[in-house]
Amino acid sequence: MKKILSFAFIFTALLLSLNVRSQTPKIGVFDIGIMVQAMPGYHVVDSLMEIYDRDSLGSLREYYESEYQRLDSTYKSDSAQVAVGKKSKAILDMISADRQKSMINIVYWQQIAQNRSNEKRNALSQDLSNLVVNAYKKVLTRKKYTLVLKPQTYEMGFRIDNIFIAVARELKLTELPQNLLYLGDDPDPVKQPTIQKPPVTKPKG
């Protein structure tokens, strides 16, 4: 609760500071990662990630488990050999250290897998990310926003530009996911042409 109040206080102070500098601060909403996922080619990244998670990460998990079982079996066998003086304790200590490292890989597997998956996804989506970043920079240069917020970090109630729309337009995209269309106002609303009514002609007679 204290963190929420602290954030609200800082955010309010920031807005007041912006108002002091300029009577009309320009505020927008955007997130590069979300925009990358909205790109038309991102479904290819998702497909490749399914294969990577299933094959590469699945094989790595099997290797960690089999390696731990091998080292654990060796440790138990060598412990008996050391107890009767047939093997050096120094060798047993090295096997014990390797077994502990292998066990850590299994215990922290979820974190390891998530980190590897994120790295792979970032690599696969790098080209799309570059396109988004370049388009975003162009919009920032042109619109000169005072502050850009991420979605879900603000409450609606004041005017905010939806930079997702501007970036999509810069990228010449024809559509965006519906949930990204209602985050704020269109920064560059297209003026609709005035439709001229046909002249009214009175019937002769």
N, C-alpha and C. Protein backbone atom coordinates (compact mmCIF):
# COMPACT_ATOMS: atom_id res chain seq x y z
N MET A 1 0.84 -1.20 0.00
CA MET A 1 0.00 0.00 0.00
C MET A 1 0.87 1.26 0.00
N LYS A 2 1.95 1.22 0.82
CA LYS A 2 2.85 2.36 0.89
C LYS A 2 3.52 2.61 -0.45
N LYS A 3 3.87 1.51 -1.17
CA LYS A 3 4.52 1.65 -2.47
C LYS A 3 3.59 2.32 -3.47
N ILE A 4 2.29 1.93 -3.42
CA ILE A 4 1.31 2.51 -4.33
C ILE A 4 1.14 3.99 -4.06
N LEU A 5 1.02 4.35 -2.77
CA LEU A 5 0.87 5.75 -2.40
C LEU A 5 2.11 6.55 -2.79
N SER A 6 3.29 5.94 -2.60
CA SER A 6 4.53 6.61 -2.95
C SER A 6 4.59 6.86 -4.45
N PHE A 7 4.20 5.87 -5.25
CA PHE A 7 4.20 6.03 -6.71
C PHE A 7 3.22 7.11 -7.13
N ALA A 8 2.04 7.10 -6.51
CA ALA A 8 1.02 8.10 -6.85
C ALA A 8 1.51 9.50 -6.51
N PHE A 9 2.19 9.62 -5.36
CA PHE A 9 2.72 10.93 -4.95
C PHE A 9 3.79 11.43 -5.93
N ILE A 10 4.71 10.52 -6.30
CA ILE A 10 5.78 10.89 -7.23
C ILE A 10 5.20 11.28 -8.58
N PHE A 11 4.22 10.47 -9.04
CA PHE A 11 3.61 10.73 -10.35
C PHE A 11 2.89 12.08 -10.35
N THR A 12 2.16 12.38 -9.25
CA THR A 12 1.45 13.65 -9.15
C THR A 12 2.44 14.81 -9.12
N ALA A 13 3.52 14.64 -8.36
CA ALA A 13 4.54 15.69 -8.30
C ALA A 13 5.19 15.92 -9.65
N LEU A 14 5.38 14.84 -10.39
CA LEU A 14 5.97 14.95 -11.71
C LEU A 14 5.07 15.72 -12.65
N LEU A 15 3.77 15.41 -12.60
CA LEU A 15 2.81 16.12 -13.45
C LEU A 15 2.75 17.60 -13.10
N LEU A 16 2.78 17.90 -11.79
CA LEU A 16 2.77 19.30 -11.37
C LEU A 16 4.02 20.02 -11.86
N SER A 17 5.17 19.32 -11.79
CA SER A 17 6.41 19.91 -12.27
C SER A 17 6.34 20.19 -13.76
N LEU A 18 5.75 19.24 -14.49
CA LEU A 18 5.61 19.43 -15.94
C LEU A 18 4.70 20.60 -16.24
N ASN A 19 3.65 20.76 -15.44
CA ASN A 19 2.72 21.85 -15.66
C ASN A 19 3.37 23.21 -15.42
N VAL A 20 4.34 23.21 -14.46
CA VAL A 20 5.03 24.47 -14.18
C VAL A 20 5.87 24.86 -15.39
N ARG A 21 6.53 23.88 -16.00
CA ARG A 21 7.40 24.16 -17.14
C ARG A 21 6.58 24.49 -18.39
N SER A 22 5.49 23.80 -18.54
CA SER A 22 4.68 24.00 -19.75
C SER A 22 3.22 23.82 -19.40
N GLN A 23 2.40 24.69 -19.93
CA GLN A 23 0.98 24.60 -19.62
C GLN A 23 0.33 23.42 -20.32
N THR A 24 0.96 22.91 -21.36
CA THR A 24 0.38 21.79 -22.10
C THR A 24 1.41 20.66 -22.29
N PRO A 25 1.71 19.92 -21.22
CA PRO A 25 2.66 18.80 -21.36
C PRO A 25 2.08 17.72 -22.27
N LYS A 26 2.92 17.12 -23.10
CA LYS A 26 2.48 16.08 -24.01
C LYS A 26 2.82 14.72 -23.41
N ILE A 27 1.79 13.94 -23.12
CA ILE A 27 1.96 12.65 -22.47
C ILE A 27 1.45 11.55 -23.39
N GLY A 28 2.23 10.49 -23.52
CA GLY A 28 1.84 9.38 -24.37
C GLY A 28 1.97 8.05 -23.64
N VAL A 29 1.41 7.00 -24.25
CA VAL A 29 1.50 5.65 -23.69
C VAL A 29 2.10 4.74 -24.75
N PHE A 30 3.10 3.93 -24.32
CA PHE A 30 3.75 3.03 -25.28
C PHE A 30 4.60 2.01 -24.54
N ASP A 31 4.83 0.87 -25.21
CA ASP A 31 5.72 -0.15 -24.69
C ASP A 31 6.33 -0.89 -25.89
N ILE A 32 7.65 -0.85 -26.00
CA ILE A 32 8.32 -1.45 -27.16
C ILE A 32 8.04 -2.95 -27.25
N GLY A 33 8.14 -3.66 -26.13
CA GLY A 33 7.93 -5.10 -26.13
C GLY A 33 6.54 -5.50 -26.59
N ILE A 34 5.53 -4.77 -26.12
CA ILE A 34 4.15 -5.06 -26.53
C ILE A 34 3.97 -4.79 -28.02
N MET A 35 4.58 -3.70 -28.51
CA MET A 35 4.45 -3.36 -29.93
C MET A 35 5.12 -4.41 -30.79
N VAL A 36 6.27 -4.93 -30.36
CA VAL A 36 6.95 -5.99 -31.12
C VAL A 36 6.04 -7.21 -31.25
N GLN A 37 5.37 -7.57 -30.16
CA GLN A 37 4.47 -8.72 -30.19
C GLN A 37 3.25 -8.49 -31.07
N ALA A 38 2.94 -7.22 -31.34
CA ALA A 38 1.79 -6.90 -32.20
C ALA A 38 2.17 -6.87 -33.68
N MET A 39 3.45 -7.01 -33.98
CA MET A 39 3.89 -6.99 -35.37
C MET A 39 3.39 -8.22 -36.12
N PRO A 40 3.04 -8.06 -37.41
CA PRO A 40 2.49 -9.18 -38.18
C PRO A 40 3.40 -10.41 -38.23
N GLY A 41 4.73 -10.21 -38.24
CA GLY A 41 5.63 -11.34 -38.35
C GLY A 41 5.95 -12.04 -37.04
N TYR A 42 5.35 -11.57 -35.94
CA TYR A 42 5.72 -12.13 -34.64
C TYR A 42 5.24 -13.56 -34.46
N HIS A 43 4.23 -13.98 -35.22
CA HIS A 43 3.74 -15.36 -35.09
C HIS A 43 4.83 -16.37 -35.47
N VAL A 44 5.77 -15.94 -36.34
CA VAL A 44 6.89 -16.81 -36.70
C VAL A 44 7.79 -17.04 -35.48
N VAL A 45 8.01 -15.99 -34.71
CA VAL A 45 8.80 -16.09 -33.48
C VAL A 45 8.14 -17.06 -32.51
N ASP A 46 6.82 -16.94 -32.35
CA ASP A 46 6.10 -17.85 -31.46
C ASP A 46 6.25 -19.30 -31.89
N SER A 47 6.16 -19.54 -33.19
CA SER A 47 6.28 -20.91 -33.71
C SER A 47 7.67 -21.47 -33.45
N LEU A 48 8.71 -20.66 -33.70
CA LEU A 48 10.08 -21.11 -33.46
C LEU A 48 10.35 -21.33 -31.97
N MET A 49 9.72 -20.52 -31.13
CA MET A 49 9.90 -20.67 -29.68
C MET A 49 9.27 -21.96 -29.17
N GLU A 50 8.15 -22.35 -29.75
CA GLU A 50 7.54 -23.63 -29.37
C GLU A 50 8.49 -24.78 -29.64
N ILE A 51 9.17 -24.74 -30.80
CA ILE A 51 10.13 -25.80 -31.14
C ILE A 51 11.32 -25.74 -30.19
N TYR A 52 11.81 -24.54 -29.91
CA TYR A 52 12.98 -24.39 -29.03
C TYR A 52 12.66 -24.88 -27.61
N ASP A 53 11.53 -24.47 -27.08
CA ASP A 53 11.16 -24.88 -25.72
C ASP A 53 10.98 -26.39 -25.63
N ARG A 54 10.40 -26.98 -26.68
CA ARG A 54 10.14 -28.41 -26.65
C ARG A 54 11.40 -29.24 -26.85
N ASP A 55 12.19 -28.87 -27.87
CA ASP A 55 13.34 -29.69 -28.24
C ASP A 55 14.62 -29.32 -27.47
N SER A 56 15.06 -28.08 -27.61
CA SER A 56 16.34 -27.68 -27.01
C SER A 56 16.28 -27.67 -25.48
N LEU A 57 15.27 -26.98 -24.93
CA LEU A 57 15.18 -26.92 -23.47
C LEU A 57 14.79 -28.27 -22.89
N GLY A 58 13.96 -29.00 -23.61
CA GLY A 58 13.57 -30.34 -23.13
C GLY A 58 14.78 -31.26 -23.06
N SER A 59 15.64 -31.21 -24.07
CA SER A 59 16.84 -32.05 -24.09
C SER A 59 17.81 -31.63 -22.99
N LEU A 60 17.92 -30.32 -22.76
CA LEU A 60 18.82 -29.83 -21.72
C LEU A 60 18.35 -30.29 -20.34
N ARG A 61 17.05 -30.28 -20.11
CA ARG A 61 16.51 -30.74 -18.82
C ARG A 61 16.82 -32.22 -18.63
N GLU A 62 16.65 -33.02 -19.68
CA GLU A 62 16.96 -34.45 -19.59
C GLU A 62 18.44 -34.67 -19.30
N TYR A 63 19.30 -33.86 -19.91
CA TYR A 63 20.74 -33.98 -19.67
C TYR A 63 21.08 -33.67 -18.21
N TYR A 64 20.51 -32.58 -17.67
CA TYR A 64 20.76 -32.23 -16.27
C TYR A 64 20.36 -33.37 -15.34
N GLU A 65 19.21 -33.96 -15.59
CA GLU A 65 18.71 -35.02 -14.72
C GLU A 65 19.57 -36.28 -14.80
N SER A 66 19.94 -36.67 -16.04
CA SER A 66 20.76 -37.87 -16.21
C SER A 66 22.16 -37.67 -15.64
N GLU A 67 22.68 -36.44 -15.79
CA GLU A 67 24.02 -36.15 -15.27
C GLU A 67 24.01 -36.19 -13.74
N TYR A 68 22.93 -35.69 -13.13
CA TYR A 68 22.85 -35.74 -11.67
C TYR A 68 22.77 -37.19 -11.19
N GLN A 69 21.98 -38.00 -11.87
CA GLN A 69 21.84 -39.40 -11.48
C GLN A 69 23.18 -40.14 -11.60
N ARG A 70 23.92 -39.83 -12.67
CA ARG A 70 25.24 -40.46 -12.86
C ARG A 70 26.20 -40.06 -11.75
N LEU A 71 26.27 -38.76 -11.46
CA LEU A 71 27.18 -38.28 -10.43
C LEU A 71 26.77 -38.77 -9.04
N ASP A 72 25.47 -38.82 -8.79
CA ASP A 72 24.99 -39.30 -7.49
C ASP A 72 25.34 -40.77 -7.29
N SER A 73 25.18 -41.55 -8.36
CA SER A 73 25.54 -42.97 -8.28
C SER A 73 27.04 -43.15 -8.06
N THR A 74 27.83 -42.33 -8.79
CA THR A 74 29.29 -42.40 -8.64
C THR A 74 29.72 -41.98 -7.24
N TYR A 75 29.07 -40.95 -6.71
CA TYR A 75 29.41 -40.46 -5.37
C TYR A 75 29.14 -41.53 -4.31
N LYS A 76 28.01 -42.19 -4.42
CA LYS A 76 27.67 -43.22 -3.44
C LYS A 76 28.64 -44.40 -3.52
N SER A 77 28.99 -44.77 -4.76
CA SER A 77 29.93 -45.88 -4.95
C SER A 77 31.32 -45.52 -4.43
N ASP A 78 31.78 -44.30 -4.75
CA ASP A 78 33.11 -43.89 -4.33
C ASP A 78 33.19 -43.64 -2.83
N SER A 79 32.05 -43.25 -2.22
CA SER A 79 32.03 -43.05 -0.77
C SER A 79 32.39 -44.35 -0.05
N ALA A 80 31.84 -45.44 -0.57
CA ALA A 80 32.15 -46.74 0.02
C ALA A 80 33.61 -47.10 -0.19
N GLN A 81 34.15 -46.74 -1.38
CA GLN A 81 35.56 -47.03 -1.67
C GLN A 81 36.48 -46.20 -0.77
N VAL A 82 36.12 -44.95 -0.53
CA VAL A 82 36.93 -44.08 0.34
C VAL A 82 36.89 -44.60 1.77
N ALA A 83 35.73 -45.11 2.21
CA ALA A 83 35.56 -45.60 3.58
C ALA A 83 36.51 -46.75 3.90
N VAL A 84 36.84 -47.55 2.87
CA VAL A 84 37.73 -48.70 3.11
C VAL A 84 39.15 -48.42 2.62
N GLY A 85 39.39 -47.14 2.25
CA GLY A 85 40.73 -46.74 1.86
C GLY A 85 41.14 -47.10 0.45
N LYS A 86 40.18 -47.43 -0.41
CA LYS A 86 40.52 -47.83 -1.78
C LYS A 86 40.50 -46.66 -2.77
N LYS A 87 39.98 -45.50 -2.33
CA LYS A 87 39.97 -44.32 -3.20
C LYS A 87 40.30 -43.08 -2.39
N SER A 88 40.86 -42.10 -3.09
CA SER A 88 41.26 -40.86 -2.43
C SER A 88 40.04 -39.99 -2.12
N LYS A 89 40.05 -39.36 -0.96
CA LYS A 89 38.96 -38.46 -0.59
C LYS A 89 38.94 -37.22 -1.48
N ALA A 90 40.09 -36.83 -2.00
CA ALA A 90 40.16 -35.64 -2.87
C ALA A 90 39.31 -35.86 -4.13
N ILE A 91 39.36 -37.09 -4.66
CA ILE A 91 38.54 -37.42 -5.84
C ILE A 91 37.07 -37.38 -5.49
N LEU A 92 36.74 -37.91 -4.30
CA LEU A 92 35.35 -37.90 -3.84
C LEU A 92 34.83 -36.48 -3.68
N ASP A 93 35.69 -35.60 -3.18
CA ASP A 93 35.30 -34.19 -3.00
C ASP A 93 35.00 -33.53 -4.35
N MET A 94 35.78 -33.84 -5.37
CA MET A 94 35.54 -33.27 -6.70
C MET A 94 34.22 -33.77 -7.27
N ILE A 95 33.95 -35.05 -7.09
CA ILE A 95 32.68 -35.62 -7.56
C ILE A 95 31.52 -35.00 -6.80
N SER A 96 31.70 -34.77 -5.51
CA SER A 96 30.67 -34.16 -4.68
C SER A 96 30.35 -32.74 -5.17
N ALA A 97 31.40 -31.98 -5.52
CA ALA A 97 31.20 -30.61 -6.01
C ALA A 97 30.45 -30.61 -7.33
N ASP A 98 30.81 -31.54 -8.23
CA ASP A 98 30.13 -31.65 -9.52
C ASP A 98 28.67 -32.07 -9.33
N ARG A 99 28.45 -32.97 -8.38
CA ARG A 99 27.07 -33.41 -8.11
C ARG A 99 26.23 -32.27 -7.57
N GLN A 100 26.83 -31.43 -6.71
CA GLN A 100 26.10 -30.29 -6.17
C GLN A 100 25.75 -29.27 -7.26
N LYS A 101 26.68 -29.02 -8.18
CA LYS A 101 26.40 -28.11 -9.30
C LYS A 101 25.26 -28.65 -10.15
N SER A 102 25.29 -29.95 -10.40
CA SER A 102 24.25 -30.58 -11.20
C SER A 102 22.90 -30.49 -10.50
N MET A 103 22.88 -30.66 -9.18
CA MET A 103 21.65 -30.58 -8.42
C MET A 103 21.08 -29.16 -8.45
N ILE A 104 21.97 -28.15 -8.41
CA ILE A 104 21.53 -26.75 -8.48
C ILE A 104 20.83 -26.48 -9.80
N ASN A 105 21.35 -27.07 -10.89
CA ASN A 105 20.71 -26.89 -12.20
C ASN A 105 19.28 -27.42 -12.20
N ILE A 106 19.05 -28.49 -11.48
CA ILE A 106 17.70 -29.07 -11.42
C ILE A 106 16.80 -28.25 -10.51
N VAL A 107 17.33 -27.84 -9.36
CA VAL A 107 16.54 -27.07 -8.40
C VAL A 107 16.09 -25.74 -9.01
N TYR A 108 17.00 -25.10 -9.75
CA TYR A 108 16.69 -23.78 -10.34
C TYR A 108 16.36 -23.88 -11.83
N TRP A 109 15.85 -25.05 -12.22
CA TRP A 109 15.58 -25.26 -13.64
C TRP A 109 14.59 -24.25 -14.22
N GLN A 110 13.53 -23.94 -13.51
CA GLN A 110 12.53 -23.01 -14.03
C GLN A 110 13.15 -21.65 -14.36
N GLN A 111 13.99 -21.17 -13.48
CA GLN A 111 14.66 -19.88 -13.71
C GLN A 111 15.64 -19.97 -14.87
N ILE A 112 16.40 -21.07 -14.93
CA ILE A 112 17.35 -21.28 -16.01
C ILE A 112 16.64 -21.34 -17.36
N ALA A 113 15.55 -22.12 -17.40
CA ALA A 113 14.79 -22.28 -18.64
C ALA A 113 14.17 -20.95 -19.08
N GLN A 114 13.66 -20.18 -18.11
CA GLN A 114 13.03 -18.90 -18.43
C GLN A 114 14.07 -17.92 -19.00
N ASN A 115 15.25 -17.89 -18.39
CA ASN A 115 16.31 -17.00 -18.87
C ASN A 115 16.75 -17.37 -20.28
N ARG A 116 16.93 -18.67 -20.52
CA ARG A 116 17.34 -19.13 -21.86
C ARG A 116 16.25 -18.86 -22.89
N SER A 117 15.01 -19.07 -22.48
CA SER A 117 13.88 -18.83 -23.38
C SER A 117 13.78 -17.34 -23.74
N ASN A 118 13.96 -16.48 -22.75
CA ASN A 118 13.92 -15.03 -23.00
C ASN A 118 15.05 -14.60 -23.94
N GLU A 119 16.24 -15.14 -23.72
CA GLU A 119 17.38 -14.81 -24.58
C GLU A 119 17.12 -15.24 -26.02
N LYS A 120 16.56 -16.44 -26.18
CA LYS A 120 16.26 -16.95 -27.53
C LYS A 120 15.18 -16.11 -28.20
N ARG A 121 14.14 -15.78 -27.45
CA ARG A 121 13.05 -14.97 -28.01
C ARG A 121 13.56 -13.59 -28.42
N ASN A 122 14.40 -12.99 -27.60
CA ASN A 122 14.95 -11.68 -27.94
C ASN A 122 15.80 -11.74 -29.22
N ALA A 123 16.56 -12.83 -29.36
CA ALA A 123 17.39 -12.99 -30.55
C ALA A 123 16.53 -13.16 -31.80
N LEU A 124 15.48 -13.98 -31.69
CA LEU A 124 14.61 -14.24 -32.84
C LEU A 124 13.81 -13.00 -33.25
N SER A 125 13.48 -12.15 -32.28
CA SER A 125 12.65 -10.98 -32.57
C SER A 125 13.47 -9.70 -32.73
N GLN A 126 14.79 -9.83 -32.85
CA GLN A 126 15.65 -8.65 -32.89
C GLN A 126 15.35 -7.76 -34.09
N ASP A 127 15.12 -8.36 -35.26
CA ASP A 127 14.82 -7.56 -36.45
C ASP A 127 13.52 -6.78 -36.29
N LEU A 128 12.50 -7.43 -35.74
CA LEU A 128 11.23 -6.75 -35.51
C LEU A 128 11.40 -5.64 -34.47
N SER A 129 12.20 -5.93 -33.45
CA SER A 129 12.44 -4.93 -32.41
C SER A 129 13.14 -3.70 -32.98
N ASN A 130 14.09 -3.91 -33.90
CA ASN A 130 14.79 -2.78 -34.52
C ASN A 130 13.83 -1.91 -35.32
N LEU A 131 12.90 -2.55 -36.03
CA LEU A 131 11.92 -1.79 -36.80
C LEU A 131 11.05 -0.94 -35.89
N VAL A 132 10.61 -1.53 -34.79
CA VAL A 132 9.75 -0.81 -33.84
C VAL A 132 10.50 0.35 -33.20
N VAL A 133 11.73 0.09 -32.76
CA VAL A 133 12.53 1.14 -32.10
C VAL A 133 12.77 2.31 -33.04
N ASN A 134 13.10 2.03 -34.29
CA ASN A 134 13.35 3.10 -35.26
C ASN A 134 12.09 3.93 -35.51
N ALA A 135 10.95 3.24 -35.65
CA ALA A 135 9.69 3.96 -35.86
C ALA A 135 9.32 4.78 -34.63
N TYR A 136 9.56 4.22 -33.46
CA TYR A 136 9.27 4.92 -32.20
C TYR A 136 10.11 6.19 -32.07
N LYS A 137 11.39 6.08 -32.43
CA LYS A 137 12.27 7.25 -32.37
C LYS A 137 11.79 8.36 -33.30
N LYS A 138 11.31 7.97 -34.48
CA LYS A 138 10.80 8.96 -35.43
C LYS A 138 9.58 9.69 -34.86
N VAL A 139 8.69 8.92 -34.21
CA VAL A 139 7.50 9.52 -33.62
C VAL A 139 7.88 10.47 -32.49
N LEU A 140 8.84 10.05 -31.65
CA LEU A 140 9.28 10.91 -30.54
C LEU A 140 9.90 12.20 -31.06
N THR A 141 10.69 12.09 -32.12
CA THR A 141 11.32 13.27 -32.70
C THR A 141 10.28 14.23 -33.25
N ARG A 142 9.27 13.67 -33.85
CA ARG A 142 8.25 14.50 -34.48
C ARG A 142 7.28 15.09 -33.46
N LYS A 143 6.86 14.30 -32.48
CA LYS A 143 5.82 14.74 -31.54
C LYS A 143 6.37 15.39 -30.28
N LYS A 144 7.63 15.08 -29.93
CA LYS A 144 8.30 15.70 -28.77
C LYS A 144 7.47 15.55 -27.48
N TYR A 145 7.27 14.30 -27.06
CA TYR A 145 6.51 14.04 -25.84
C TYR A 145 7.31 14.41 -24.60
N THR A 146 6.61 14.95 -23.62
CA THR A 146 7.23 15.29 -22.35
C THR A 146 7.41 14.06 -21.48
N LEU A 147 6.46 13.13 -21.58
CA LEU A 147 6.47 11.94 -20.73
C LEU A 147 5.78 10.80 -21.48
N VAL A 148 6.38 9.60 -21.42
CA VAL A 148 5.78 8.40 -22.02
C VAL A 148 5.61 7.35 -20.93
N LEU A 149 4.38 6.87 -20.76
CA LEU A 149 4.07 5.88 -19.73
C LEU A 149 3.78 4.52 -20.37
N LYS A 150 3.99 3.47 -19.60
CA LYS A 150 3.64 2.13 -20.06
C LYS A 150 2.16 1.87 -19.75
N PRO A 151 1.52 0.98 -20.53
CA PRO A 151 0.13 0.63 -20.21
C PRO A 151 0.04 0.09 -18.78
N GLN A 152 -1.09 0.30 -18.15
CA GLN A 152 -1.38 -0.17 -16.80
C GLN A 152 -0.54 0.53 -15.73
N THR A 153 0.08 1.66 -16.07
CA THR A 153 0.81 2.42 -15.05
C THR A 153 0.12 3.74 -14.77
N TYR A 154 -1.07 3.91 -15.31
CA TYR A 154 -1.79 5.17 -15.09
C TYR A 154 -3.28 4.90 -15.11
N GLU A 155 -4.03 5.80 -14.52
CA GLU A 155 -5.49 5.73 -14.54
C GLU A 155 -6.00 6.70 -15.59
N MET A 156 -6.98 6.25 -16.35
CA MET A 156 -7.57 7.13 -17.35
C MET A 156 -8.27 8.29 -16.65
N GLY A 157 -8.30 9.42 -17.29
CA GLY A 157 -8.92 10.59 -16.69
C GLY A 157 -8.29 11.88 -17.17
N PHE A 158 -7.16 11.75 -17.86
CA PHE A 158 -6.54 12.91 -18.46
C PHE A 158 -6.13 12.53 -19.89
N ARG A 159 -5.95 13.54 -20.70
CA ARG A 159 -5.63 13.29 -22.11
C ARG A 159 -4.26 12.65 -22.24
N ILE A 160 -4.20 11.56 -23.00
CA ILE A 160 -2.94 10.87 -23.23
C ILE A 160 -2.95 10.34 -24.65
N ASP A 161 -1.85 10.50 -25.36
CA ASP A 161 -1.75 10.04 -26.73
C ASP A 161 -1.40 8.56 -26.79
N ASN A 162 -2.06 7.86 -27.68
CA ASN A 162 -1.78 6.45 -27.89
C ASN A 162 -0.68 6.33 -28.95
N ILE A 163 0.56 6.19 -28.48
CA ILE A 163 1.70 6.17 -29.39
C ILE A 163 1.74 4.87 -30.19
N PHE A 164 1.05 3.83 -29.70
CA PHE A 164 0.96 2.59 -30.48
C PHE A 164 0.39 2.87 -31.87
N ILE A 165 -0.61 3.73 -31.93
CA ILE A 165 -1.24 4.06 -33.20
C ILE A 165 -0.26 4.80 -34.11
N ALA A 166 0.48 5.76 -33.54
CA ALA A 166 1.43 6.54 -34.33
C ALA A 166 2.56 5.65 -34.86
N VAL A 167 3.05 4.74 -34.02
CA VAL A 167 4.14 3.85 -34.45
C VAL A 167 3.63 2.88 -35.52
N ALA A 168 2.43 2.35 -35.33
CA ALA A 168 1.84 1.46 -36.33
C ALA A 168 1.70 2.17 -37.67
N ARG A 169 1.30 3.43 -37.61
CA ARG A 169 1.16 4.22 -38.84
C ARG A 169 2.53 4.45 -39.49
N GLU A 170 3.54 4.69 -38.66
CA GLU A 170 4.90 4.87 -39.17
C GLU A 170 5.41 3.60 -39.84
N LEU A 171 5.00 2.45 -39.31
CA LEU A 171 5.40 1.16 -39.86
C LEU A 171 4.50 0.71 -41.01
N LYS A 172 3.49 1.54 -41.29
CA LYS A 172 2.53 1.25 -42.37
C LYS A 172 1.76 -0.04 -42.10
N LEU A 173 1.44 -0.28 -40.83
CA LEU A 173 0.59 -1.42 -40.47
C LEU A 173 -0.86 -1.06 -40.73
N THR A 174 -1.64 -2.02 -41.13
CA THR A 174 -3.05 -1.76 -41.44
C THR A 174 -3.98 -2.05 -40.26
N GLU A 175 -3.45 -2.70 -39.21
CA GLU A 175 -4.30 -3.00 -38.06
C GLU A 175 -3.46 -3.21 -36.80
N LEU A 176 -4.13 -3.07 -35.67
CA LEU A 176 -3.55 -3.31 -34.36
C LEU A 176 -4.52 -4.15 -33.55
N PRO A 177 -4.02 -4.92 -32.56
CA PRO A 177 -4.94 -5.63 -31.66
C PRO A 177 -5.90 -4.65 -30.99
N GLN A 178 -7.13 -5.07 -30.80
CA GLN A 178 -8.16 -4.19 -30.24
C GLN A 178 -7.76 -3.61 -28.90
N ASN A 179 -7.07 -4.40 -28.07
CA ASN A 179 -6.72 -3.91 -26.73
C ASN A 179 -5.72 -2.76 -26.76
N LEU A 180 -5.04 -2.55 -27.90
CA LEU A 180 -4.09 -1.46 -28.01
C LEU A 180 -4.72 -0.20 -28.62
N LEU A 181 -5.92 -0.32 -29.13
CA LEU A 181 -6.55 0.82 -29.79
C LEU A 181 -7.22 1.78 -28.83
N TYR A 182 -7.49 1.31 -27.60
CA TYR A 182 -8.28 2.12 -26.66
C TYR A 182 -7.47 2.63 -25.48
N LEU A 183 -6.14 2.72 -25.65
CA LEU A 183 -5.29 3.16 -24.55
C LEU A 183 -5.17 4.67 -24.47
N GLY A 184 -5.64 5.38 -25.49
CA GLY A 184 -5.55 6.83 -25.50
C GLY A 184 -6.02 7.39 -26.82
N ASP A 185 -5.73 8.66 -27.03
CA ASP A 185 -6.18 9.34 -28.25
C ASP A 185 -5.20 9.11 -29.40
N ASP A 186 -5.72 9.15 -30.59
CA ASP A 186 -4.89 9.07 -31.79
C ASP A 186 -4.05 10.35 -31.87
N PRO A 187 -2.71 10.24 -31.88
CA PRO A 187 -1.87 11.44 -31.92
C PRO A 187 -2.03 12.24 -33.22
N ASP A 188 -2.38 11.56 -34.29
CA ASP A 188 -2.54 12.22 -35.58
C ASP A 188 -3.87 11.81 -36.21
N PRO A 189 -4.97 12.27 -35.64
CA PRO A 189 -6.27 11.86 -36.17
C PRO A 189 -6.43 12.30 -37.63
N VAL A 190 -6.85 11.35 -38.41
CA VAL A 190 -7.04 11.65 -39.83
C VAL A 190 -8.37 12.37 -40.01
N LYS A 191 -8.31 13.55 -40.63
CA LYS A 191 -9.53 14.31 -40.86
C LYS A 191 -10.34 13.66 -41.98
N GLN A 192 -11.59 13.41 -41.68
CA GLN A 192 -12.46 12.81 -42.68
C GLN A 192 -12.88 13.86 -43.69
N PRO A 193 -12.87 13.53 -44.98
CA PRO A 193 -13.30 14.51 -45.98
C PRO A 193 -14.78 14.85 -45.82
N THR A 194 -15.07 16.10 -46.06
CA THR A 194 -16.46 16.53 -45.95
C THR A 194 -17.26 15.98 -47.12
N ILE A 195 -18.34 15.33 -46.78
CA ILE A 195 -19.19 14.74 -47.82
C ILE A 195 -20.21 15.78 -48.25
N GLN A 196 -20.13 16.13 -49.51
CA GLN A 196 -21.05 17.15 -50.05
C GLN A 196 -22.38 16.48 -50.41
N LYS A 197 -23.45 17.09 -49.95
CA LYS A 197 -24.78 16.57 -50.31
C LYS A 197 -25.13 17.02 -51.72
N PRO A 198 -25.78 16.14 -52.48
CA PRO A 198 -26.19 16.55 -53.83
C PRO A 198 -27.23 17.67 -53.74
N PRO A 199 -27.19 18.59 -54.70
CA PRO A 199 -28.15 19.70 -54.66
C PRO A 199 -29.58 19.20 -54.81
N VAL A 200 -30.45 19.86 -54.06
CA VAL A 200 -31.87 19.49 -54.13
C VAL A 200 -32.50 20.19 -55.33
N THR A 201 -33.08 19.43 -56.17
CA THR A 201 -33.74 20.00 -57.35
C THR A 201 -35.25 19.86 -57.21
N LYS A 202 -35.90 20.96 -57.35
CA LYS A 202 -37.36 20.93 -57.26
C LYS A 202 -37.96 20.45 -58.58
N PRO A 203 -38.95 19.63 -58.48
CA PRO A 203 -39.59 19.13 -59.72
C PRO A 203 -40.29 20.29 -60.46
N LYS A 204 -40.18 20.25 -61.76
CA LYS A 204 -40.82 21.27 -62.58
C LYS A 204 -42.32 21.06 -62.58
N GLY A 205 -42.98 22.15 -62.69
CA GLY A 205 -44.43 22.04 -62.83
C GLY A 205 -45.15 22.88 -61.94
